[in-house]
Amino acid sequence: MQNNHSDEIEIMRIASEIRRYLGNHPQGVDTIDGITKWWLPQQRIEESSLLVQQALDYLVSESRIERITSLDGKYLYFDSNSVHGEQKH
């Protein structure tokens, strides 16, 4: 699926909000559902799951966050540097 320019801008904005959330909550770990429901509304954003997924995929591809598969098969997203006690700025 190809993104149009406005989608790309939204994806970058969402990615920035996810990084901001993790900066304020360094131990944060959640699924896309939790991120959409709990992390982004705290940043005063309501986003579509598709755009949130694309933002998460972007952050993973840029090694800004990590993704692991939980026992129930859902992906969990987190900032591995913060989880291990380090923080990148």
PDB file of N, CA and C in Angstrom:
ATOM      1  N   MET A   1       0.844  -1.184   0.000  1.00  0.00           N
ATOM      2  CA  MET A   1       0.000   0.000   0.000  1.00  0.00           C
ATOM      3  C   MET A   1       0.887   1.245   0.000  1.00  0.00           C
ATOM      4  N   GLN A   2       0.583   2.149  -0.852  1.00  0.00           N
ATOM      5  CA  GLN A   2       1.369   3.375  -0.983  1.00  0.00           C
ATOM      6  C   GLN A   2       0.716   4.488  -0.157  1.00  0.00           C
ATOM      7  N   ASN A   3       1.536   5.231   0.554  1.00  0.00           N
ATOM      8  CA  ASN A   3       1.046   6.346   1.360  1.00  0.00           C
ATOM      9  C   ASN A   3       1.065   7.617   0.535  1.00  0.00           C
ATOM     10  N   ASN A   4       0.044   8.446   0.728  1.00  0.00           N
ATOM     11  CA  ASN A   4       0.112   9.763   0.104  1.00  0.00           C
ATOM     12  C   ASN A   4       0.897  10.691   1.034  1.00  0.00           C
ATOM     13  N   HIS A   5       1.204  11.870   0.560  1.00  0.00           N
ATOM     14  CA  HIS A   5       2.047  12.803   1.323  1.00  0.00           C
ATOM     15  C   HIS A   5       1.440  13.151   2.680  1.00  0.00           C
ATOM     16  N   SER A   6       0.129  13.376   2.738  1.00  0.00           N
ATOM     17  CA  SER A   6      -0.485  13.736   4.022  1.00  0.00           C
ATOM     18  C   SER A   6      -0.424  12.567   5.002  1.00  0.00           C
ATOM     19  N   ASP A   7      -0.545  11.313   4.501  1.00  0.00           N
ATOM     20  CA  ASP A   7      -0.393  10.155   5.385  1.00  0.00           C
ATOM     21  C   ASP A   7       1.027  10.083   5.933  1.00  0.00           C
ATOM     22  N   GLU A   8       2.012  10.345   5.086  1.00  0.00           N
ATOM     23  CA  GLU A   8       3.401  10.310   5.538  1.00  0.00           C
ATOM     24  C   GLU A   8       3.654  11.346   6.623  1.00  0.00           C
ATOM     25  N   ILE A   9       3.074  12.514   6.478  1.00  0.00           N
ATOM     26  CA  ILE A   9       3.207  13.552   7.507  1.00  0.00           C
ATOM     27  C   ILE A   9       2.568  13.078   8.808  1.00  0.00           C
ATOM     28  N   GLU A  10       1.390  12.480   8.715  1.00  0.00           N
ATOM     29  CA  GLU A  10       0.702  11.963   9.904  1.00  0.00           C
ATOM     30  C   GLU A  10       1.509  10.849  10.559  1.00  0.00           C
ATOM     31  N   ILE A  11       2.076   9.956   9.754  1.00  0.00           N
ATOM     32  CA  ILE A  11       2.876   8.859  10.293  1.00  0.00           C
ATOM     33  C   ILE A  11       4.069   9.408  11.062  1.00  0.00           C
ATOM     34  N   MET A  12       4.745  10.408  10.518  1.00  0.00           N
ATOM     35  CA  MET A  12       5.887  11.013  11.209  1.00  0.00           C
ATOM     36  C   MET A  12       5.443  11.713  12.494  1.00  0.00           C
ATOM     37  N   ARG A  13       4.276  12.356  12.467  1.00  0.00           N
ATOM     38  CA  ARG A  13       3.754  13.024  13.663  1.00  0.00           C
ATOM     39  C   ARG A  13       3.432  11.997  14.745  1.00  0.00           C
ATOM     40  N   ILE A  14       2.782  10.905  14.349  1.00  0.00           N
ATOM     41  CA  ILE A  14       2.446   9.851  15.312  1.00  0.00           C
ATOM     42  C   ILE A  14       3.723   9.237  15.876  1.00  0.00           C
ATOM     43  N   ALA A  15       4.700   8.979  15.001  1.00  0.00           N
ATOM     44  CA  ALA A  15       5.978   8.422  15.457  1.00  0.00           C
ATOM     45  C   ALA A  15       6.620   9.349  16.488  1.00  0.00           C
ATOM     46  N   SER A  16       6.561  10.636  16.252  1.00  0.00           N
ATOM     47  CA  SER A  16       7.106  11.608  17.194  1.00  0.00           C
ATOM     48  C   SER A  16       6.367  11.562  18.526  1.00  0.00           C
ATOM     49  N   GLU A  17       5.054  11.422  18.490  1.00  0.00           N
ATOM     50  CA  GLU A  17       4.265  11.351  19.724  1.00  0.00           C
ATOM     51  C   GLU A  17       4.574  10.071  20.498  1.00  0.00           C
ATOM     52  N   ILE A  18       4.797   8.966  19.788  1.00  0.00           N
ATOM     53  CA  ILE A  18       5.158   7.716  20.458  1.00  0.00           C
ATOM     54  C   ILE A  18       6.507   7.878  21.146  1.00  0.00           C
ATOM     55  N   ARG A  19       7.472   8.475  20.460  1.00  0.00           N
ATOM     56  CA  ARG A  19       8.785   8.716  21.068  1.00  0.00           C
ATOM     57  C   ARG A  19       8.664   9.660  22.269  1.00  0.00           C
ATOM     58  N   ARG A  20       7.808  10.676  22.161  1.00  0.00           N
ATOM     59  CA  ARG A  20       7.598  11.593  23.284  1.00  0.00           C
ATOM     60  C   ARG A  20       7.021  10.830  24.478  1.00  0.00           C
ATOM     61  N   TYR A  21       6.040   9.972  24.214  1.00  0.00           N
ATOM     62  CA  TYR A  21       5.449   9.180  25.297  1.00  0.00           C
ATOM     63  C   TYR A  21       6.527   8.330  25.969  1.00  0.00           C
ATOM     64  N   LEU A  22       7.344   7.648  25.163  1.00  0.00           N
ATOM     65  CA  LEU A  22       8.388   6.804  25.741  1.00  0.00           C
ATOM     66  C   LEU A  22       9.432   7.627  26.480  1.00  0.00           C
ATOM     67  N   GLY A  23       9.663   8.848  26.047  1.00  0.00           N
ATOM     68  CA  GLY A  23      10.565   9.727  26.782  1.00  0.00           C
ATOM     69  C   GLY A  23      10.030  10.063  28.163  1.00  0.00           C
ATOM     70  N   ASN A  24       8.712  10.228  28.270  1.00  0.00           N
ATOM     71  CA  ASN A  24       8.067  10.529  29.549  1.00  0.00           C
ATOM     72  C   ASN A  24       7.779   9.282  30.371  1.00  0.00           C
ATOM     73  N   HIS A  25       7.722   8.116  29.715  1.00  0.00           N
ATOM     74  CA  HIS A  25       7.418   6.836  30.367  1.00  0.00           C
ATOM     75  C   HIS A  25       8.428   5.804  29.872  1.00  0.00           C
ATOM     76  N   PRO A  26       9.687   5.890  30.314  1.00  0.00           N
ATOM     77  CA  PRO A  26      10.747   5.067  29.745  1.00  0.00           C
ATOM     78  C   PRO A  26      10.535   3.561  29.887  1.00  0.00           C
ATOM     79  N   GLN A  27       9.740   3.134  30.831  1.00  0.00           N
ATOM     80  CA  GLN A  27       9.499   1.703  30.998  1.00  0.00           C
ATOM     81  C   GLN A  27       8.263   1.231  30.230  1.00  0.00           C
ATOM     82  N   GLY A  28       7.680   2.095  29.400  1.00  0.00           N
ATOM     83  CA  GLY A  28       6.461   1.765  28.659  1.00  0.00           C
ATOM     84  C   GLY A  28       6.657   0.610  27.688  1.00  0.00           C
ATOM     85  N   VAL A  29       5.737  -0.354  27.742  1.00  0.00           N
ATOM     86  CA  VAL A  29       5.700  -1.497  26.828  1.00  0.00           C
ATOM     87  C   VAL A  29       4.235  -1.775  26.545  1.00  0.00           C
ATOM     88  N   ASP A  30       3.842  -1.880  25.263  1.00  0.00           N
ATOM     89  CA  ASP A  30       2.431  -2.142  24.980  1.00  0.00           C
ATOM     90  C   ASP A  30       2.246  -2.642  23.559  1.00  0.00           C
ATOM     91  N   THR A  31       1.033  -3.125  23.285  1.00  0.00           N
ATOM     92  CA  THR A  31       0.621  -3.560  21.953  1.00  0.00           C
ATOM     93  C   THR A  31       0.108  -2.355  21.177  1.00  0.00           C
ATOM     94  N   ILE A  32      -0.153  -2.550  19.882  1.00  0.00           N
ATOM     95  CA  ILE A  32      -0.724  -1.457  19.094  1.00  0.00           C
ATOM     96  C   ILE A  32      -2.056  -1.015  19.679  1.00  0.00           C
ATOM     97  N   ASP A  33      -2.868  -1.968  20.172  1.00  0.00           N
ATOM     98  CA  ASP A  33      -4.153  -1.587  20.769  1.00  0.00           C
ATOM     99  C   ASP A  33      -3.950  -0.705  21.990  1.00  0.00           C
ATOM    100  N   GLY A  34      -3.021  -1.087  22.858  1.00  0.00           N
ATOM    101  CA  GLY A  34      -2.745  -0.283  24.041  1.00  0.00           C
ATOM    102  C   GLY A  34      -2.145   1.068  23.704  1.00  0.00           C
ATOM    103  N   ILE A  35      -1.257   1.083  22.725  1.00  0.00           N
ATOM    104  CA  ILE A  35      -0.642   2.346  22.306  1.00  0.00           C
ATOM    105  C   ILE A  35      -1.701   3.284  21.757  1.00  0.00           C
ATOM    106  N   THR A  36      -2.581   2.753  20.911  1.00  0.00           N
ATOM    107  CA  THR A  36      -3.644   3.579  20.329  1.00  0.00           C
ATOM    108  C   THR A  36      -4.615   4.063  21.397  1.00  0.00           C
ATOM    109  N   LYS A  37      -4.956   3.176  22.335  1.00  0.00           N
ATOM    110  CA  LYS A  37      -5.970   3.518  23.346  1.00  0.00           C
ATOM    111  C   LYS A  37      -5.413   4.362  24.488  1.00  0.00           C
ATOM    112  N   TRP A  38      -4.195   4.056  24.939  1.00  0.00           N
ATOM    113  CA  TRP A  38      -3.695   4.683  26.160  1.00  0.00           C
ATOM    114  C   TRP A  38      -2.572   5.682  25.938  1.00  0.00           C
ATOM    115  N   TRP A  39      -1.636   5.403  25.065  1.00  0.00           N
ATOM    116  CA  TRP A  39      -0.496   6.308  24.909  1.00  0.00           C
ATOM    117  C   TRP A  39      -0.879   7.551  24.134  1.00  0.00           C
ATOM    118  N   LEU A  40      -1.499   7.372  22.988  1.00  0.00           N
ATOM    119  CA  LEU A  40      -1.766   8.519  22.118  1.00  0.00           C
ATOM    120  C   LEU A  40      -2.855   9.441  22.646  1.00  0.00           C
ATOM    121  N   PRO A  41      -3.936   8.924  23.246  1.00  0.00           N
ATOM    122  CA  PRO A  41      -4.904   9.872  23.817  1.00  0.00           C
ATOM    123  C   PRO A  41      -4.279  10.764  24.891  1.00  0.00           C
ATOM    124  N   GLN A  42      -3.282  10.239  25.605  1.00  0.00           N
ATOM    125  CA  GLN A  42      -2.601  11.079  26.591  1.00  0.00           C
ATOM    126  C   GLN A  42      -1.863  12.212  25.906  1.00  0.00           C
ATOM    127  N   GLN A  43      -1.532  12.031  24.655  1.00  0.00           N
ATOM    128  CA  GLN A  43      -0.881  13.084  23.883  1.00  0.00           C
ATOM    129  C   GLN A  43      -1.931  13.908  23.123  1.00  0.00           C
ATOM    130  N   ARG A  44      -3.209  13.692  23.437  1.00  0.00           N
ATOM    131  CA  ARG A  44      -4.346  14.393  22.811  1.00  0.00           C
ATOM    132  C   ARG A  44      -4.462  14.091  21.317  1.00  0.00           C
ATOM    133  N   ILE A  45      -4.311  12.824  20.991  1.00  0.00           N
ATOM    134  CA  ILE A  45      -4.408  12.403  19.599  1.00  0.00           C
ATOM    135  C   ILE A  45      -5.364  11.221  19.508  1.00  0.00           C
ATOM    136  N   GLU A  46      -6.175  11.221  18.501  1.00  0.00           N
ATOM    137  CA  GLU A  46      -6.960  10.045  18.158  1.00  0.00           C
ATOM    138  C   GLU A  46      -6.540   9.647  16.759  1.00  0.00           C
ATOM    139  N   GLU A  47      -6.019   8.469  16.615  1.00  0.00           N
ATOM    140  CA  GLU A  47      -5.454   8.043  15.345  1.00  0.00           C
ATOM    141  C   GLU A  47      -6.083   6.742  14.875  1.00  0.00           C
ATOM    142  N   SER A  48      -6.013   6.507  13.590  1.00  0.00           N
ATOM    143  CA  SER A  48      -6.442   5.229  13.051  1.00  0.00           C
ATOM    144  C   SER A  48      -5.370   4.187  13.345  1.00  0.00           C
ATOM    145  N   SER A  49      -5.791   2.952  13.558  1.00  0.00           N
ATOM    146  CA  SER A  49      -4.844   1.873  13.830  1.00  0.00           C
ATOM    147  C   SER A  49      -3.862   1.688  12.682  1.00  0.00           C
ATOM    148  N   LEU A  50      -4.312   1.881  11.454  1.00  0.00           N
ATOM    149  CA  LEU A  50      -3.428   1.716  10.301  1.00  0.00           C
ATOM    150  C   LEU A  50      -2.269   2.710  10.347  1.00  0.00           C
ATOM    151  N   LEU A  51      -2.560   3.980  10.617  1.00  0.00           N
ATOM    152  CA  LEU A  51      -1.493   4.982  10.689  1.00  0.00           C
ATOM    153  C   LEU A  51      -0.585   4.736  11.888  1.00  0.00           C
ATOM    154  N   VAL A  52      -1.167   4.306  13.006  1.00  0.00           N
ATOM    155  CA  VAL A  52      -0.348   3.996  14.181  1.00  0.00           C
ATOM    156  C   VAL A  52       0.579   2.829  13.854  1.00  0.00           C
ATOM    157  N   GLN A  53       0.050   1.793  13.183  1.00  0.00           N
ATOM    158  CA  GLN A  53       0.889   0.651  12.813  1.00  0.00           C
ATOM    159  C   GLN A  53       2.025   1.083  11.894  1.00  0.00           C
ATOM    160  N   GLN A  54       1.728   1.948  10.952  1.00  0.00           N
ATOM    161  CA  GLN A  54       2.767   2.425  10.040  1.00  0.00           C
ATOM    162  C   GLN A  54       3.818   3.244  10.790  1.00  0.00           C
ATOM    163  N   ALA A  55       3.396   4.027  11.767  1.00  0.00           N
ATOM    164  CA  ALA A  55       4.350   4.791  12.574  1.00  0.00           C
ATOM    165  C   ALA A  55       5.222   3.851  13.404  1.00  0.00           C
ATOM    166  N   LEU A  56       4.617   2.815  13.984  1.00  0.00           N
ATOM    167  CA  LEU A  56       5.388   1.839  14.754  1.00  0.00           C
ATOM    168  C   LEU A  56       6.377   1.098  13.857  1.00  0.00           C
ATOM    169  N   ASP A  57       5.929   0.694  12.669  1.00  0.00           N
ATOM    170  CA  ASP A  57       6.820   0.019  11.717  1.00  0.00           C
ATOM    171  C   ASP A  57       7.999   0.917  11.353  1.00  0.00           C
ATOM    172  N   TYR A  58       7.725   2.204  11.153  1.00  0.00           N
ATOM    173  CA  TYR A  58       8.789   3.165  10.842  1.00  0.00           C
ATOM    174  C   TYR A  58       9.800   3.233  11.990  1.00  0.00           C
ATOM    175  N   LEU A  59       9.307   3.367  13.227  1.00  0.00           N
ATOM    176  CA  LEU A  59      10.203   3.468  14.375  1.00  0.00           C
ATOM    177  C   LEU A  59      11.039   2.203  14.538  1.00  0.00           C
ATOM    178  N   VAL A  60      10.448   1.032  14.295  1.00  0.00           N
ATOM    179  CA  VAL A  60      11.194  -0.228  14.356  1.00  0.00           C
ATOM    180  C   VAL A  60      12.260  -0.250  13.260  1.00  0.00           C
ATOM    181  N   SER A  61      11.892   0.143  12.043  1.00  0.00           N
ATOM    182  CA  SER A  61      12.844   0.116  10.924  1.00  0.00           C
ATOM    183  C   SER A  61      14.015   1.072  11.141  1.00  0.00           C
ATOM    184  N   GLU A  62      13.782   2.138  11.895  1.00  0.00           N
ATOM    185  CA  GLU A  62      14.832   3.111  12.205  1.00  0.00           C
ATOM    186  C   GLU A  62      15.567   2.774  13.505  1.00  0.00           C
ATOM    187  N   SER A  63      15.245   1.611  14.099  1.00  0.00           N
ATOM    188  CA  SER A  63      15.848   1.150  15.362  1.00  0.00           C
ATOM    189  C   SER A  63      15.619   2.127  16.508  1.00  0.00           C
ATOM    190  N   ARG A  64      14.509   2.852  16.464  1.00  0.00           N
ATOM    191  CA  ARG A  64      14.163   3.787  17.546  1.00  0.00           C
ATOM    192  C   ARG A  64      13.405   3.072  18.659  1.00  0.00           C
ATOM    193  N   ILE A  65      12.654   2.020  18.307  1.00  0.00           N
ATOM    194  CA  ILE A  65      11.970   1.171  19.274  1.00  0.00           C
ATOM    195  C   ILE A  65      12.151  -0.274  18.816  1.00  0.00           C
ATOM    196  N   GLU A  66      11.814  -1.216  19.708  1.00  0.00           N
ATOM    197  CA  GLU A  66      11.883  -2.627  19.352  1.00  0.00           C
ATOM    198  C   GLU A  66      10.503  -3.247  19.420  1.00  0.00           C
ATOM    199  N   ARG A  67      10.381  -4.372  18.703  1.00  0.00           N
ATOM    200  CA  ARG A  67       9.118  -5.115  18.679  1.00  0.00           C
ATOM    201  C   ARG A  67       9.452  -6.569  18.996  1.00  0.00           C
ATOM    202  N   ILE A  68       8.696  -7.137  19.946  1.00  0.00           N
ATOM    203  CA  ILE A  68       8.803  -8.561  20.233  1.00  0.00           C
ATOM    204  C   ILE A  68       7.404  -9.155  20.157  1.00  0.00           C
ATOM    205  N   THR A  69       7.341 -10.460  20.003  1.00  0.00           N
ATOM    206  CA  THR A  69       6.058 -11.150  19.953  1.00  0.00           C
ATOM    207  C   THR A  69       5.773 -11.742  21.324  1.00  0.00           C
ATOM    208  N   SER A  70       4.595 -11.425  21.879  1.00  0.00           N
ATOM    209  CA  SER A  70       4.204 -11.951  23.181  1.00  0.00           C
ATOM    210  C   SER A  70       3.712 -13.389  23.025  1.00  0.00           C
ATOM    211  N   LEU A  71       3.456 -14.054  24.137  1.00  0.00           N
ATOM    212  CA  LEU A  71       2.996 -15.440  24.107  1.00  0.00           C
ATOM    213  C   LEU A  71       1.677 -15.610  23.372  1.00  0.00           C
ATOM    214  N   ASP A  72       0.834 -14.574  23.372  1.00  0.00           N
ATOM    215  CA  ASP A  72      -0.453 -14.678  22.673  1.00  0.00           C
ATOM    216  C   ASP A  72      -0.353 -14.278  21.202  1.00  0.00           C
ATOM    217  N   GLY A  73       0.869 -14.019  20.730  1.00  0.00           N
ATOM    218  CA  GLY A  73       1.080 -13.716  19.318  1.00  0.00           C
ATOM    219  C   GLY A  73       0.996 -12.244  18.952  1.00  0.00           C
ATOM    220  N   LYS A  74       0.648 -11.389  19.903  1.00  0.00           N
ATOM    221  CA  LYS A  74       0.586  -9.949  19.631  1.00  0.00           C
ATOM    222  C   LYS A  74       1.974  -9.345  19.772  1.00  0.00           C
ATOM    223  N   TYR A  75       2.209  -8.300  18.993  1.00  0.00           N
ATOM    224  CA  TYR A  75       3.475  -7.585  19.100  1.00  0.00           C
ATOM    225  C   TYR A  75       3.440  -6.641  20.289  1.00  0.00           C
ATOM    226  N   LEU A  76       4.577  -6.547  20.978  1.00  0.00           N
ATOM    227  CA  LEU A  76       4.788  -5.557  22.031  1.00  0.00           C
ATOM    228  C   LEU A  76       5.877  -4.611  21.555  1.00  0.00           C
ATOM    229  N   TYR A  77       5.691  -3.326  21.803  1.00  0.00           N
ATOM    230  CA  TYR A  77       6.623  -2.292  21.360  1.00  0.00           C
ATOM    231  C   TYR A  77       7.202  -1.595  22.577  1.00  0.00           C
ATOM    232  N   PHE A  78       8.501  -1.281  22.527  1.00  0.00           N
ATOM    233  CA  PHE A  78       9.152  -0.630  23.658  1.00  0.00           C
ATOM    234  C   PHE A  78      10.462  -0.006  23.208  1.00  0.00           C
ATOM    235  N   ASP A  79      10.982   0.873  24.036  1.00  0.00           N
ATOM    236  CA  ASP A  79      12.294   1.481  23.812  1.00  0.00           C
ATOM    237  C   ASP A  79      13.301   0.624  24.560  1.00  0.00           C
ATOM    238  N   SER A  80      14.027  -0.212  23.853  1.00  0.00           N
ATOM    239  CA  SER A  80      14.934  -1.169  24.496  1.00  0.00           C
ATOM    240  C   SER A  80      16.017  -0.479  25.310  1.00  0.00           C
ATOM    241  N   ASN A  81      16.455   0.686  24.899  1.00  0.00           N
ATOM    242  CA  ASN A  81      17.485   1.392  25.656  1.00  0.00           C
ATOM    243  C   ASN A  81      16.976   1.817  27.018  1.00  0.00           C
ATOM    244  N   SER A  82      15.741   2.258  27.099  1.00  0.00           N
ATOM    245  CA  SER A  82      15.173   2.667  28.382  1.00  0.00           C
ATOM    246  C   SER A  82      14.903   1.470  29.267  1.00  0.00           C
ATOM    247  N   VAL A  83      14.457   0.368  28.680  1.00  0.00           N
ATOM    248  CA  VAL A  83      14.173  -0.837  29.454  1.00  0.00           C
ATOM    249  C   VAL A  83      15.450  -1.355  30.102  1.00  0.00           C
ATOM    250  N   HIS A  84      16.578  -1.179  29.426  1.00  0.00           N
ATOM    251  CA  HIS A  84      17.852  -1.650  29.955  1.00  0.00           C
ATOM    252  C   HIS A  84      18.593  -0.580  30.746  1.00  0.00           C
ATOM    253  N   GLY A  85      17.910   0.494  31.090  1.00  0.00           N
ATOM    254  CA  GLY A  85      18.491   1.513  31.940  1.00  0.00           C
ATOM    255  C   GLY A  85      19.277   2.588  31.227  1.00  0.00           C
ATOM    256  N   GLU A  86      19.312   2.547  29.912  1.00  0.00           N
ATOM    257  CA  GLU A  86      20.000   3.579  29.146  1.00  0.00           C
ATOM    258  C   GLU A  86      18.947   4.455  28.499  1.00  0.00           C
ATOM    259  N   GLN A  87      19.296   5.674  28.186  1.00  0.00           N
ATOM    260  CA  GLN A  87      18.374   6.532  27.450  1.00  0.00           C
ATOM    261  C   GLN A  87      19.128   7.282  26.381  1.00  0.00           C
ATOM    262  N   LYS A  88      18.581   7.223  25.151  1.00  0.00           N
ATOM    263  CA  LYS A  88      19.141   8.006  24.049  1.00  0.00           C
ATOM    264  C   LYS A  88      18.324   9.275  23.921  1.00  0.00           C
ATOM    265  N   HIS A  89      18.965  10.359  23.576  1.00  0.00           N
ATOM    266  CA  HIS A  89      18.226  11.609  23.351  1.00  0.00           C
ATOM    267  C   HIS A  89      18.454  12.096  21.979  1.00  0.00           C
TER     268      HIS A  89
END
